[in-house]
């Protein structure tokens, strides 16, 4: 069984017992994400697919926040040849690890 959900403006394919990394969410570690923060768009239950318009009625996902962390560093390097222009910049995205506990239809 899997589901397509929308969390913090991003869509994820989730399964029970797996974890996902999403943009930083409000809340403490071990906090449960409410139904207002997780929108279930599609549910596949061993071949029977339920598609929402825009969400699946009666479908809920139980998820908890495991930890808040920072992603890998991404380097942005700009250069214009023969002009002496070089610019190096780095970025680390703030992330939240979310564990999927249960998917109910």
N, C-alpha and C. Protein backbone atom coordinates (compact mmCIF):
# COMPACT_ATOMS: atom_id res chain seq x y z
N UNK A 1 0.84 -1.17 0.00
CA UNK A 1 0.00 0.00 0.00
C UNK A 1 0.89 1.24 0.00
N UNK A 2 0.57 2.17 -0.89
CA UNK A 2 1.29 3.44 -0.90
C UNK A 2 0.31 4.57 -1.13
N UNK A 3 0.77 5.79 -0.91
CA UNK A 3 -0.06 6.96 -1.09
C UNK A 3 0.79 8.10 -1.63
N UNK A 4 0.15 9.01 -2.34
CA UNK A 4 0.77 10.25 -2.77
C UNK A 4 0.19 11.35 -1.88
N UNK A 5 1.06 12.05 -1.16
CA UNK A 5 0.60 13.09 -0.23
C UNK A 5 1.29 14.40 -0.54
N UNK A 6 0.71 15.47 -0.04
CA UNK A 6 1.30 16.79 -0.15
C UNK A 6 1.62 17.30 1.25
N UNK A 7 2.91 17.55 1.48
CA UNK A 7 3.38 18.07 2.76
C UNK A 7 4.23 19.30 2.46
N UNK A 8 3.86 20.42 3.05
CA UNK A 8 4.61 21.68 2.92
C UNK A 8 4.80 22.09 1.46
N UNK A 9 3.78 21.85 0.63
CA UNK A 9 3.84 22.27 -0.77
C UNK A 9 4.55 21.32 -1.70
N UNK A 10 5.05 20.19 -1.20
CA UNK A 10 5.73 19.20 -2.03
C UNK A 10 4.93 17.91 -2.01
N UNK A 11 5.00 17.15 -3.11
CA UNK A 11 4.31 15.87 -3.19
C UNK A 11 5.31 14.74 -3.01
N UNK A 12 4.91 13.72 -2.24
CA UNK A 12 5.76 12.58 -1.94
C UNK A 12 4.99 11.29 -2.13
N UNK A 13 5.69 10.24 -2.55
CA UNK A 13 5.14 8.88 -2.55
C UNK A 13 5.59 8.24 -1.25
N UNK A 14 4.63 7.83 -0.42
CA UNK A 14 4.98 7.32 0.90
C UNK A 14 4.47 5.90 1.08
N UNK A 15 5.13 5.18 1.96
CA UNK A 15 4.72 3.84 2.39
C UNK A 15 4.90 3.75 3.89
N UNK A 16 4.16 2.84 4.50
CA UNK A 16 4.21 2.67 5.95
C UNK A 16 5.61 2.21 6.37
N UNK A 17 6.13 2.83 7.43
CA UNK A 17 7.43 2.45 7.97
C UNK A 17 8.62 3.14 7.34
N UNK A 18 8.41 3.93 6.30
CA UNK A 18 9.51 4.63 5.66
C UNK A 18 9.56 6.07 6.10
N UNK A 19 10.69 6.71 5.88
CA UNK A 19 10.83 8.12 6.26
C UNK A 19 11.13 8.95 5.02
N UNK A 20 10.77 10.23 5.09
CA UNK A 20 11.01 11.16 4.00
C UNK A 20 11.65 12.42 4.56
N UNK A 21 12.32 13.15 3.69
CA UNK A 21 12.91 14.43 4.05
C UNK A 21 12.13 15.52 3.33
N UNK A 22 11.63 16.48 4.08
CA UNK A 22 10.85 17.57 3.53
C UNK A 22 11.43 18.89 4.01
N UNK A 23 10.94 19.99 3.43
CA UNK A 23 11.37 21.30 3.91
C UNK A 23 11.06 21.42 5.39
N UNK A 24 11.77 22.30 6.08
CA UNK A 24 11.63 22.45 7.53
C UNK A 24 10.18 22.71 7.91
N UNK A 25 9.67 21.89 8.84
CA UNK A 25 8.30 22.02 9.33
C UNK A 25 8.30 22.59 10.73
N UNK A 26 7.23 23.28 11.08
CA UNK A 26 7.03 23.76 12.44
C UNK A 26 6.68 22.57 13.32
N UNK A 27 7.20 22.56 14.53
CA UNK A 27 6.88 21.49 15.46
C UNK A 27 8.11 20.90 16.10
N UNK A 28 7.91 20.30 17.26
CA UNK A 28 9.00 19.68 17.99
C UNK A 28 9.23 18.26 17.51
N UNK A 29 10.36 17.69 17.92
CA UNK A 29 10.66 16.30 17.63
C UNK A 29 9.63 15.42 18.36
N UNK A 30 9.19 14.36 17.73
CA UNK A 30 8.16 13.42 18.19
C UNK A 30 6.76 14.01 18.16
N UNK A 31 6.57 15.15 17.50
CA UNK A 31 5.23 15.71 17.32
C UNK A 31 4.54 15.00 16.17
N UNK A 32 3.24 14.80 16.30
CA UNK A 32 2.45 14.14 15.27
C UNK A 32 1.92 15.19 14.30
N UNK A 33 2.07 14.92 13.00
CA UNK A 33 1.55 15.85 11.99
C UNK A 33 0.05 15.65 11.86
N UNK A 34 -0.71 16.72 11.91
CA UNK A 34 -2.15 16.65 11.83
C UNK A 34 -2.65 16.46 10.41
N UNK A 35 -3.94 16.18 10.29
CA UNK A 35 -4.56 15.97 8.98
C UNK A 35 -4.57 17.25 8.15
N UNK A 36 -4.49 18.41 8.80
CA UNK A 36 -4.48 19.67 8.06
C UNK A 36 -3.13 19.92 7.39
N UNK A 37 -2.07 19.27 7.84
CA UNK A 37 -0.74 19.47 7.27
C UNK A 37 -0.36 18.41 6.26
N UNK A 38 -1.08 17.27 6.23
CA UNK A 38 -0.80 16.18 5.30
C UNK A 38 -2.06 15.96 4.47
N UNK A 39 -2.00 16.29 3.18
CA UNK A 39 -3.14 16.11 2.28
C UNK A 39 -2.92 14.86 1.44
N UNK A 40 -3.85 13.90 1.52
CA UNK A 40 -3.75 12.65 0.79
C UNK A 40 -4.38 12.85 -0.59
N UNK A 41 -3.58 12.72 -1.64
CA UNK A 41 -4.05 12.95 -3.00
C UNK A 41 -4.42 11.66 -3.72
N UNK A 42 -3.76 10.55 -3.40
CA UNK A 42 -3.99 9.27 -4.06
C UNK A 42 -3.62 8.15 -3.10
N UNK A 43 -4.40 7.05 -3.14
CA UNK A 43 -4.09 5.87 -2.33
C UNK A 43 -4.20 4.64 -3.22
N UNK A 44 -3.18 3.78 -3.18
CA UNK A 44 -3.19 2.51 -3.91
C UNK A 44 -3.16 1.40 -2.88
N UNK A 45 -4.25 0.64 -2.79
CA UNK A 45 -4.37 -0.46 -1.83
C UNK A 45 -4.40 -1.77 -2.60
N UNK A 46 -3.23 -2.34 -2.88
CA UNK A 46 -3.06 -3.58 -3.63
C UNK A 46 -3.84 -3.58 -4.94
N UNK A 47 -3.70 -2.53 -5.72
CA UNK A 47 -4.33 -2.49 -7.04
C UNK A 47 -5.58 -1.64 -7.12
N UNK A 48 -6.30 -1.44 -6.03
CA UNK A 48 -7.47 -0.56 -6.09
C UNK A 48 -7.02 0.86 -5.78
N UNK A 49 -7.15 1.72 -6.78
CA UNK A 49 -6.63 3.08 -6.68
C UNK A 49 -7.77 4.04 -6.38
N UNK A 50 -7.58 4.89 -5.38
CA UNK A 50 -8.53 5.94 -5.05
C UNK A 50 -7.86 7.28 -5.32
N UNK A 51 -8.46 8.05 -6.22
CA UNK A 51 -7.91 9.35 -6.58
C UNK A 51 -8.80 10.43 -6.01
N UNK A 52 -8.21 11.40 -5.38
CA UNK A 52 -8.96 12.47 -4.76
C UNK A 52 -9.24 13.62 -5.70
N UNK A 53 -10.23 14.42 -5.35
CA UNK A 53 -10.54 15.61 -6.14
C UNK A 53 -10.79 16.77 -5.19
N UNK A 54 -9.85 17.45 -4.63
CA UNK A 54 -8.40 17.28 -4.72
C UNK A 54 -7.82 16.28 -3.72
N UNK A 55 -8.56 15.93 -2.63
CA UNK A 55 -8.03 14.96 -1.67
C UNK A 55 -8.98 13.77 -1.58
N UNK A 56 -8.45 12.64 -1.11
CA UNK A 56 -9.24 11.42 -0.95
C UNK A 56 -10.05 11.55 0.34
N UNK A 57 -11.36 11.39 0.23
CA UNK A 57 -12.23 11.51 1.39
C UNK A 57 -12.04 10.33 2.33
N UNK A 58 -11.82 10.60 3.60
CA UNK A 58 -11.68 9.55 4.60
C UNK A 58 -10.28 8.96 4.73
N UNK A 59 -9.36 9.33 3.87
CA UNK A 59 -8.00 8.80 3.94
C UNK A 59 -7.16 9.68 4.86
N UNK A 60 -6.43 9.07 5.77
CA UNK A 60 -5.56 9.79 6.68
C UNK A 60 -4.19 9.15 6.73
N UNK A 61 -3.20 9.95 7.06
CA UNK A 61 -1.83 9.48 7.20
C UNK A 61 -1.34 9.90 8.58
N UNK A 62 -0.79 8.95 9.32
CA UNK A 62 -0.22 9.24 10.62
C UNK A 62 1.30 9.35 10.46
N UNK A 63 1.85 10.53 10.78
CA UNK A 63 3.28 10.76 10.60
C UNK A 63 3.82 11.54 11.80
N UNK A 64 5.07 11.25 12.16
CA UNK A 64 5.71 11.96 13.26
C UNK A 64 7.03 12.57 12.79
N UNK A 65 7.40 13.67 13.43
CA UNK A 65 8.67 14.33 13.14
C UNK A 65 9.77 13.60 13.90
N UNK A 66 10.78 13.14 13.17
CA UNK A 66 11.88 12.40 13.79
C UNK A 66 13.00 13.35 14.21
N UNK A 67 13.43 14.24 13.29
CA UNK A 67 14.50 15.17 13.62
C UNK A 67 14.52 16.34 12.64
N UNK A 68 15.14 17.42 13.06
CA UNK A 68 15.40 18.57 12.21
C UNK A 68 16.89 18.57 11.88
N UNK A 69 17.23 18.77 10.62
CA UNK A 69 18.63 18.71 10.22
C UNK A 69 18.87 19.64 9.04
N UNK A 70 20.12 19.69 8.60
CA UNK A 70 20.50 20.47 7.44
C UNK A 70 20.98 19.52 6.35
N UNK A 71 20.65 19.85 5.10
CA UNK A 71 21.04 19.02 3.97
C UNK A 71 22.50 19.19 3.59
N UNK A 72 22.89 18.53 2.53
CA UNK A 72 24.25 18.63 2.03
C UNK A 72 24.50 20.03 1.47
N UNK A 73 25.75 20.45 1.50
CA UNK A 73 26.10 21.77 1.00
C UNK A 73 26.10 21.75 -0.53
N UNK A 74 25.46 22.76 -1.11
CA UNK A 74 25.43 22.93 -2.56
C UNK A 74 26.23 24.17 -2.88
N UNK A 75 27.25 24.01 -3.74
CA UNK A 75 28.09 25.14 -4.12
C UNK A 75 27.59 25.75 -5.42
N UNK A 76 27.53 27.08 -5.45
CA UNK A 76 27.16 27.83 -6.64
C UNK A 76 28.38 28.64 -7.04
N UNK A 77 28.91 28.38 -8.22
CA UNK A 77 30.12 29.06 -8.68
C UNK A 77 29.83 29.75 -10.00
N UNK A 78 30.07 31.06 -10.05
CA UNK A 78 29.85 31.84 -11.26
C UNK A 78 31.19 32.42 -11.70
N UNK A 79 31.39 32.44 -13.03
CA UNK A 79 32.65 32.96 -13.56
C UNK A 79 32.40 33.52 -14.95
N UNK A 80 33.05 34.65 -15.23
CA UNK A 80 33.05 35.20 -16.58
C UNK A 80 34.49 35.19 -17.07
N UNK A 81 34.73 34.52 -18.15
CA UNK A 81 36.10 34.36 -18.60
C UNK A 81 36.69 35.68 -19.08
N UNK A 82 37.96 35.81 -18.83
CA UNK A 82 38.78 36.97 -19.21
C UNK A 82 38.33 38.28 -18.58
N UNK A 83 37.48 38.25 -17.60
CA UNK A 83 37.01 39.48 -16.96
C UNK A 83 37.45 39.57 -15.50
N UNK A 84 37.97 38.48 -14.96
CA UNK A 84 38.40 38.48 -13.58
C UNK A 84 37.26 38.36 -12.59
N UNK A 85 36.09 37.96 -13.07
CA UNK A 85 34.91 37.85 -12.20
C UNK A 85 34.72 36.40 -11.78
N UNK A 86 34.80 36.18 -10.47
CA UNK A 86 34.51 34.86 -9.90
C UNK A 86 33.69 35.08 -8.64
N UNK A 87 32.67 34.28 -8.47
CA UNK A 87 31.81 34.38 -7.30
C UNK A 87 31.47 32.97 -6.85
N UNK A 88 31.77 32.66 -5.59
CA UNK A 88 31.48 31.35 -5.03
C UNK A 88 30.53 31.54 -3.86
N UNK A 89 29.46 30.76 -3.85
CA UNK A 89 28.46 30.86 -2.82
C UNK A 89 28.02 29.44 -2.44
N UNK A 90 27.66 29.25 -1.19
CA UNK A 90 27.20 27.94 -0.73
C UNK A 90 25.83 28.03 -0.08
N UNK A 91 25.13 26.91 -0.03
CA UNK A 91 23.79 26.87 0.56
C UNK A 91 23.55 25.50 1.17
N UNK A 92 22.95 25.49 2.37
CA UNK A 92 22.52 24.25 3.01
C UNK A 92 21.05 24.41 3.38
N UNK A 93 20.21 23.52 2.84
CA UNK A 93 18.77 23.60 3.06
C UNK A 93 18.41 23.03 4.43
N UNK A 94 17.50 23.70 5.14
CA UNK A 94 16.98 23.17 6.39
C UNK A 94 15.92 22.13 6.07
N UNK A 95 16.05 20.94 6.65
CA UNK A 95 15.15 19.82 6.36
C UNK A 95 14.55 19.26 7.65
N UNK A 96 13.47 18.51 7.48
CA UNK A 96 12.84 17.77 8.56
C UNK A 96 12.66 16.34 8.11
N UNK A 97 13.08 15.40 8.96
CA UNK A 97 12.88 13.98 8.67
C UNK A 97 11.56 13.56 9.29
N UNK A 98 10.67 12.98 8.47
CA UNK A 98 9.33 12.60 8.89
C UNK A 98 9.17 11.09 8.71
N UNK A 99 8.73 10.39 9.77
CA UNK A 99 8.48 8.95 9.71
C UNK A 99 6.99 8.71 9.49
N UNK A 100 6.67 7.87 8.50
CA UNK A 100 5.28 7.52 8.20
C UNK A 100 4.90 6.33 9.05
N UNK A 101 3.92 6.53 9.95
CA UNK A 101 3.51 5.46 10.86
C UNK A 101 2.42 4.58 10.27
N UNK A 102 1.41 5.19 9.64
CA UNK A 102 0.27 4.41 9.16
C UNK A 102 -0.47 5.17 8.08
N UNK A 103 -1.05 4.41 7.14
CA UNK A 103 -1.91 4.96 6.09
C UNK A 103 -3.26 4.26 6.22
N UNK A 104 -4.32 5.02 6.44
CA UNK A 104 -5.65 4.42 6.55
C UNK A 104 -6.55 4.99 5.48
N UNK A 105 -7.43 4.13 4.97
CA UNK A 105 -8.34 4.53 3.90
C UNK A 105 -9.74 4.71 4.40
